[in-house]
Amino acid sequence: GPAASFMLNGVLQSLRTGLVPGNRNADNIDKAMEEFCYALYLSKSVQTSGIKAGLLKSFGFGQVGAELLVVHADYLFATLTQDQLGQYNVKLQQRDVKASRYWQDTLVGSQPFVQVKSRPPYTAAQEKSVYLDPLARAKYDKASGEYKF
């Protein structure tokens, strides 16, 4: 759900930094919760040597819920061979160059940061078939810089 999206940002920051943020409003924890020795109610942030995974649960707006298990990227990288890791790093550098160019172009005003669509990627004649086909997918057209069917 929407609430989980900003919660996920916090989990990712904790995985990256090892910092577990405290709840500054946690000043009135029920005494009945003291019997649960594995539950921790922090009122201050705690710096750890590293976090391996995070679990978040959200029952957000409009009864739309989410449950996510996020595992630190180091555990994914540990499953790769040296060759696979090298290929990944090459792709990562290519994405970084593209992202840097995009950001620089945005800063100098040659393109907007967010490109808002002014029309759907299908024509009025295609609309019904696109909506009724679960396998319909738009493809990026480099010539026009838009997605089309």
C-alpha atoms as a PDB file:
ATOM      1  CA  GLY A   1       0.000   0.000   0.000  1.00  0.00           C
ATOM      2  CA  PRO A   2       0.965   3.653  -0.153  1.00  0.00           C
ATOM      3  CA  ALA A   3       2.033   3.730   3.491  1.00  0.00           C
ATOM      4  CA  ALA A   4       4.405   0.821   2.846  1.00  0.00           C
ATOM      5  CA  SER A   5       6.227   2.805   0.166  1.00  0.00           C
ATOM      6  CA  PHE A   6       7.630   5.328   2.627  1.00  0.00           C
ATOM      7  CA  MET A   7       8.199   2.594   5.202  1.00  0.00           C
ATOM      8  CA  LEU A   8      10.262   0.705   2.612  1.00  0.00           C
ATOM      9  CA  ASN A   9      12.448   3.784   2.199  1.00  0.00           C
ATOM     10  CA  GLY A  10      13.217   3.661   5.915  1.00  0.00           C
ATOM     11  CA  VAL A  11      14.013  -0.066   5.811  1.00  0.00           C
ATOM     12  CA  LEU A  12      16.380   0.468   2.868  1.00  0.00           C
ATOM     13  CA  GLN A  13      18.129   3.305   4.704  1.00  0.00           C
ATOM     14  CA  SER A  14      18.517   1.088   7.778  1.00  0.00           C
ATOM     15  CA  LEU A  15      19.973  -1.739   5.682  1.00  0.00           C
ATOM     16  CA  ARG A  16      22.426   0.676   4.070  1.00  0.00           C
ATOM     17  CA  THR A  17      23.546   2.440   7.258  1.00  0.00           C
ATOM     18  CA  GLY A  18      22.912  -0.099  10.036  1.00  0.00           C
ATOM     19  CA  LEU A  19      20.994   2.568  11.970  1.00  0.00           C
ATOM     20  CA  VAL A  20      17.754   1.470  13.624  1.00  0.00           C
ATOM     21  CA  PRO A  21      15.636   4.582  14.152  1.00  0.00           C
ATOM     22  CA  GLY A  22      13.918   4.955  17.478  1.00  0.00           C
ATOM     23  CA  ASN A  23      10.367   6.094  17.998  1.00  0.00           C
ATOM     24  CA  ARG A  24      10.685   9.381  19.887  1.00  0.00           C
ATOM     25  CA  ASN A  25       7.037   9.027  20.924  1.00  0.00           C
ATOM     26  CA  ALA A  26       7.588   5.616  22.584  1.00  0.00           C
ATOM     27  CA  ASP A  27       7.347   6.995  26.113  1.00  0.00           C
ATOM     28  CA  ASN A  28       4.332   5.034  27.311  1.00  0.00           C
ATOM     29  CA  ILE A  29       4.890   1.333  26.471  1.00  0.00           C
ATOM     30  CA  ASP A  30       2.375  -0.936  28.190  1.00  0.00           C
ATOM     31  CA  LYS A  31       3.896  -2.980  31.051  1.00  0.00           C
ATOM     32  CA  ALA A  32       2.169  -6.090  29.639  1.00  0.00           C
ATOM     33  CA  MET A  33       4.618  -5.966  26.713  1.00  0.00           C
ATOM     34  CA  GLU A  34       7.614  -6.528  29.047  1.00  0.00           C
ATOM     35  CA  GLU A  35       7.040 -10.305  29.047  1.00  0.00           C
ATOM     36  CA  PHE A  36       7.978 -10.470  25.362  1.00  0.00           C
ATOM     37  CA  CYS A  37      11.762 -10.546  25.552  1.00  0.00           C
ATOM     38  CA  TYR A  38      12.303 -10.510  21.763  1.00  0.00           C
ATOM     39  CA  ALA A  39      10.237  -7.351  21.213  1.00  0.00           C
ATOM     40  CA  LEU A  40      12.190  -4.127  21.487  1.00  0.00           C
ATOM     41  CA  TYR A  41      10.583  -0.706  21.748  1.00  0.00           C
ATOM     42  CA  LEU A  42      13.282   1.848  21.082  1.00  0.00           C
ATOM     43  CA  SER A  43      12.807   5.474  22.014  1.00  0.00           C
ATOM     44  CA  LYS A  44      16.257   6.408  20.669  1.00  0.00           C
ATOM     45  CA  SER A  45      18.131   5.399  17.536  1.00  0.00           C
ATOM     46  CA  VAL A  46      20.657   2.559  17.772  1.00  0.00           C
ATOM     47  CA  GLN A  47      23.673   2.194  15.511  1.00  0.00           C
ATOM     48  CA  THR A  48      24.366  -1.472  14.738  1.00  0.00           C
ATOM     49  CA  SER A  49      27.294  -3.120  12.979  1.00  0.00           C
ATOM     50  CA  GLY A  50      24.912  -4.072  10.181  1.00  0.00           C
ATOM     51  CA  ILE A  51      21.409  -5.265   9.449  1.00  0.00           C
ATOM     52  CA  LYS A  52      20.861  -8.409   7.406  1.00  0.00           C
ATOM     53  CA  ALA A  53      17.149  -8.065   6.665  1.00  0.00           C
ATOM     54  CA  GLY A  54      14.074  -6.060   7.487  1.00  0.00           C
ATOM     55  CA  LEU A  55      10.392  -6.980   7.641  1.00  0.00           C
ATOM     56  CA  LEU A  56       7.689  -4.405   7.310  1.00  0.00           C
ATOM     57  CA  LYS A  57       3.960  -4.751   7.561  1.00  0.00           C
ATOM     58  CA  SER A  58       1.536  -2.028   6.652  1.00  0.00           C
ATOM     59  CA  PHE A  59      -2.217  -1.903   6.699  1.00  0.00           C
ATOM     60  CA  GLY A  60      -2.443   1.425   4.977  1.00  0.00           C
ATOM     61  CA  PHE A  61      -4.967   3.746   3.462  1.00  0.00           C
ATOM     62  CA  GLY A  62      -8.168   2.294   2.039  1.00  0.00           C
ATOM     63  CA  GLN A  63      -7.532  -1.144   3.555  1.00  0.00           C
ATOM     64  CA  VAL A  64      -4.663  -1.730   1.121  1.00  0.00           C
ATOM     65  CA  GLY A  65      -1.976  -3.650   2.937  1.00  0.00           C
ATOM     66  CA  ALA A  66       1.553  -4.792   2.251  1.00  0.00           C
ATOM     67  CA  GLU A  67       4.064  -7.135   3.810  1.00  0.00           C
ATOM     68  CA  LEU A  68       7.652  -7.034   2.626  1.00  0.00           C
ATOM     69  CA  LEU A  69      10.793  -8.924   3.506  1.00  0.00           C
ATOM     70  CA  VAL A  70      13.874  -7.012   2.367  1.00  0.00           C
ATOM     71  CA  VAL A  71      17.236  -8.791   2.431  1.00  0.00           C
ATOM     72  CA  HIS A  72      20.530  -6.874   2.331  1.00  0.00           C
ATOM     73  CA  ALA A  73      22.089  -6.810  -1.142  1.00  0.00           C
ATOM     74  CA  ASP A  74      25.312  -8.353   0.175  1.00  0.00           C
ATOM     75  CA  TYR A  75      23.489 -11.680   0.467  1.00  0.00           C
ATOM     76  CA  LEU A  76      22.444 -11.491  -3.182  1.00  0.00           C
ATOM     77  CA  PHE A  77      25.964 -10.596  -4.282  1.00  0.00           C
ATOM     78  CA  ALA A  78      27.369 -13.518  -2.262  1.00  0.00           C
ATOM     79  CA  THR A  79      25.458 -15.939  -4.513  1.00  0.00           C
ATOM     80  CA  LEU A  80      27.068 -14.582  -7.703  1.00  0.00           C
ATOM     81  CA  THR A  81      30.216 -15.878  -9.329  1.00  0.00           C
ATOM     82  CA  GLN A  82      33.100 -13.446  -9.906  1.00  0.00           C
ATOM     83  CA  ASP A  83      32.151 -13.275 -13.598  1.00  0.00           C
ATOM     84  CA  GLN A  84      28.491 -12.518 -12.814  1.00  0.00           C
ATOM     85  CA  LEU A  85      29.514  -9.891 -10.283  1.00  0.00           C
ATOM     86  CA  GLY A  86      31.808  -8.295 -12.875  1.00  0.00           C
ATOM     87  CA  GLN A  87      28.970  -8.200 -15.427  1.00  0.00           C
ATOM     88  CA  TYR A  88      26.679  -6.670 -12.820  1.00  0.00           C
ATOM     89  CA  ASN A  89      29.248  -3.979 -11.981  1.00  0.00           C
ATOM     90  CA  VAL A  90      29.629  -3.070 -15.666  1.00  0.00           C
ATOM     91  CA  LYS A  91      25.840  -2.662 -15.987  1.00  0.00           C
ATOM     92  CA  LEU A  92      25.756  -0.714 -12.729  1.00  0.00           C
ATOM     93  CA  GLN A  93      28.382   1.718 -14.021  1.00  0.00           C
ATOM     94  CA  GLN A  94      26.446   2.154 -17.280  1.00  0.00           C
ATOM     95  CA  ARG A  95      23.247   2.945 -15.333  1.00  0.00           C
ATOM     96  CA  ASP A  96      25.201   5.365 -13.143  1.00  0.00           C
ATOM     97  CA  VAL A  97      26.513   7.224 -16.202  1.00  0.00           C
ATOM     98  CA  LYS A  98      22.982   7.460 -17.668  1.00  0.00           C
ATOM     99  CA  ALA A  99      21.535   8.637 -14.336  1.00  0.00           C
ATOM    100  CA  SER A 100      24.279  11.231 -13.927  1.00  0.00           C
ATOM    101  CA  ARG A 101      23.694  12.538 -17.466  1.00  0.00           C
ATOM    102  CA  TYR A 102      19.935  12.710 -16.839  1.00  0.00           C
ATOM    103  CA  TRP A 103      20.470  14.610 -13.583  1.00  0.00           C
ATOM    104  CA  GLN A 104      22.907  17.042 -15.216  1.00  0.00           C
ATOM    105  CA  ASP A 105      20.499  17.652 -18.117  1.00  0.00           C
ATOM    106  CA  THR A 106      17.766  18.346 -15.577  1.00  0.00           C
ATOM    107  CA  LEU A 107      19.919  20.795 -13.620  1.00  0.00           C
ATOM    108  CA  VAL A 108      20.818  22.817 -16.725  1.00  0.00           C
ATOM    109  CA  GLY A 109      17.184  22.845 -17.863  1.00  0.00           C
ATOM    110  CA  SER A 110      17.528  20.859 -21.087  1.00  0.00           C
ATOM    111  CA  GLN A 111      14.898  18.371 -19.910  1.00  0.00           C
ATOM    112  CA  PRO A 112      12.344  18.198 -17.093  1.00  0.00           C
ATOM    113  CA  PHE A 113      13.086  16.016 -14.083  1.00  0.00           C
ATOM    114  CA  VAL A 114       9.675  14.342 -14.353  1.00  0.00           C
ATOM    115  CA  GLN A 115       8.292  13.798 -17.821  1.00  0.00           C
ATOM    116  CA  VAL A 116       4.514  13.949 -17.588  1.00  0.00           C
ATOM    117  CA  LYS A 117       2.551  12.124 -20.275  1.00  0.00           C
ATOM    118  CA  SER A 118      -0.032  14.162 -22.129  1.00  0.00           C
ATOM    119  CA  ARG A 119      -1.803  11.178 -23.711  1.00  0.00           C
ATOM    120  CA  PRO A 120      -1.977   7.385 -23.353  1.00  0.00           C
ATOM    121  CA  PRO A 121       0.352   5.136 -25.386  1.00  0.00           C
ATOM    122  CA  TYR A 122      -2.561   3.811 -27.466  1.00  0.00           C
ATOM    123  CA  THR A 123      -4.912   5.395 -29.973  1.00  0.00           C
ATOM    124  CA  ALA A 124      -8.657   5.687 -29.430  1.00  0.00           C
ATOM    125  CA  ALA A 125      -9.146   2.789 -31.844  1.00  0.00           C
ATOM    126  CA  GLN A 126      -6.730   0.576 -29.844  1.00  0.00           C
ATOM    127  CA  GLU A 127      -8.186   1.426 -26.427  1.00  0.00           C
ATOM    128  CA  LYS A 128     -10.743  -1.408 -26.180  1.00  0.00           C
ATOM    129  CA  SER A 129      -8.325  -4.110 -27.365  1.00  0.00           C
ATOM    130  CA  VAL A 130      -5.590  -2.876 -24.992  1.00  0.00           C
ATOM    131  CA  TYR A 131      -7.913  -2.913 -21.981  1.00  0.00           C
ATOM    132  CA  LEU A 132      -9.257  -6.379 -22.784  1.00  0.00           C
ATOM    133  CA  ASP A 133      -5.894  -8.016 -23.509  1.00  0.00           C
ATOM    134  CA  PRO A 134      -4.031  -8.950 -20.297  1.00  0.00           C
ATOM    135  CA  LEU A 135      -0.876  -9.561 -22.342  1.00  0.00           C
ATOM    136  CA  ALA A 136      -0.897  -6.159 -24.053  1.00  0.00           C
ATOM    137  CA  ARG A 137       2.395  -4.340 -23.485  1.00  0.00           C
ATOM    138  CA  ALA A 138       3.572  -0.948 -24.686  1.00  0.00           C
ATOM    139  CA  LYS A 139       7.034  -0.728 -26.235  1.00  0.00           C
ATOM    140  CA  TYR A 140       9.386   2.227 -26.149  1.00  0.00           C
ATOM    141  CA  ASP A 141       9.788   3.996 -29.490  1.00  0.00           C
ATOM    142  CA  LYS A 142      13.211   5.672 -29.589  1.00  0.00           C
ATOM    143  CA  ALA A 143      12.282   7.847 -32.580  1.00  0.00           C
ATOM    144  CA  SER A 144       9.404   9.580 -30.796  1.00  0.00           C
ATOM    145  CA  GLY A 145      10.681   9.072 -27.236  1.00  0.00           C
ATOM    146  CA  GLU A 146       7.310   7.611 -26.217  1.00  0.00           C
ATOM    147  CA  TYR A 147       5.760   4.272 -25.389  1.00  0.00           C
ATOM    148  CA  LYS A 148       3.410   2.911 -28.059  1.00  0.00           C
ATOM    149  CA  PHE A 149       1.408  -0.187 -28.975  1.00  0.00           C
END
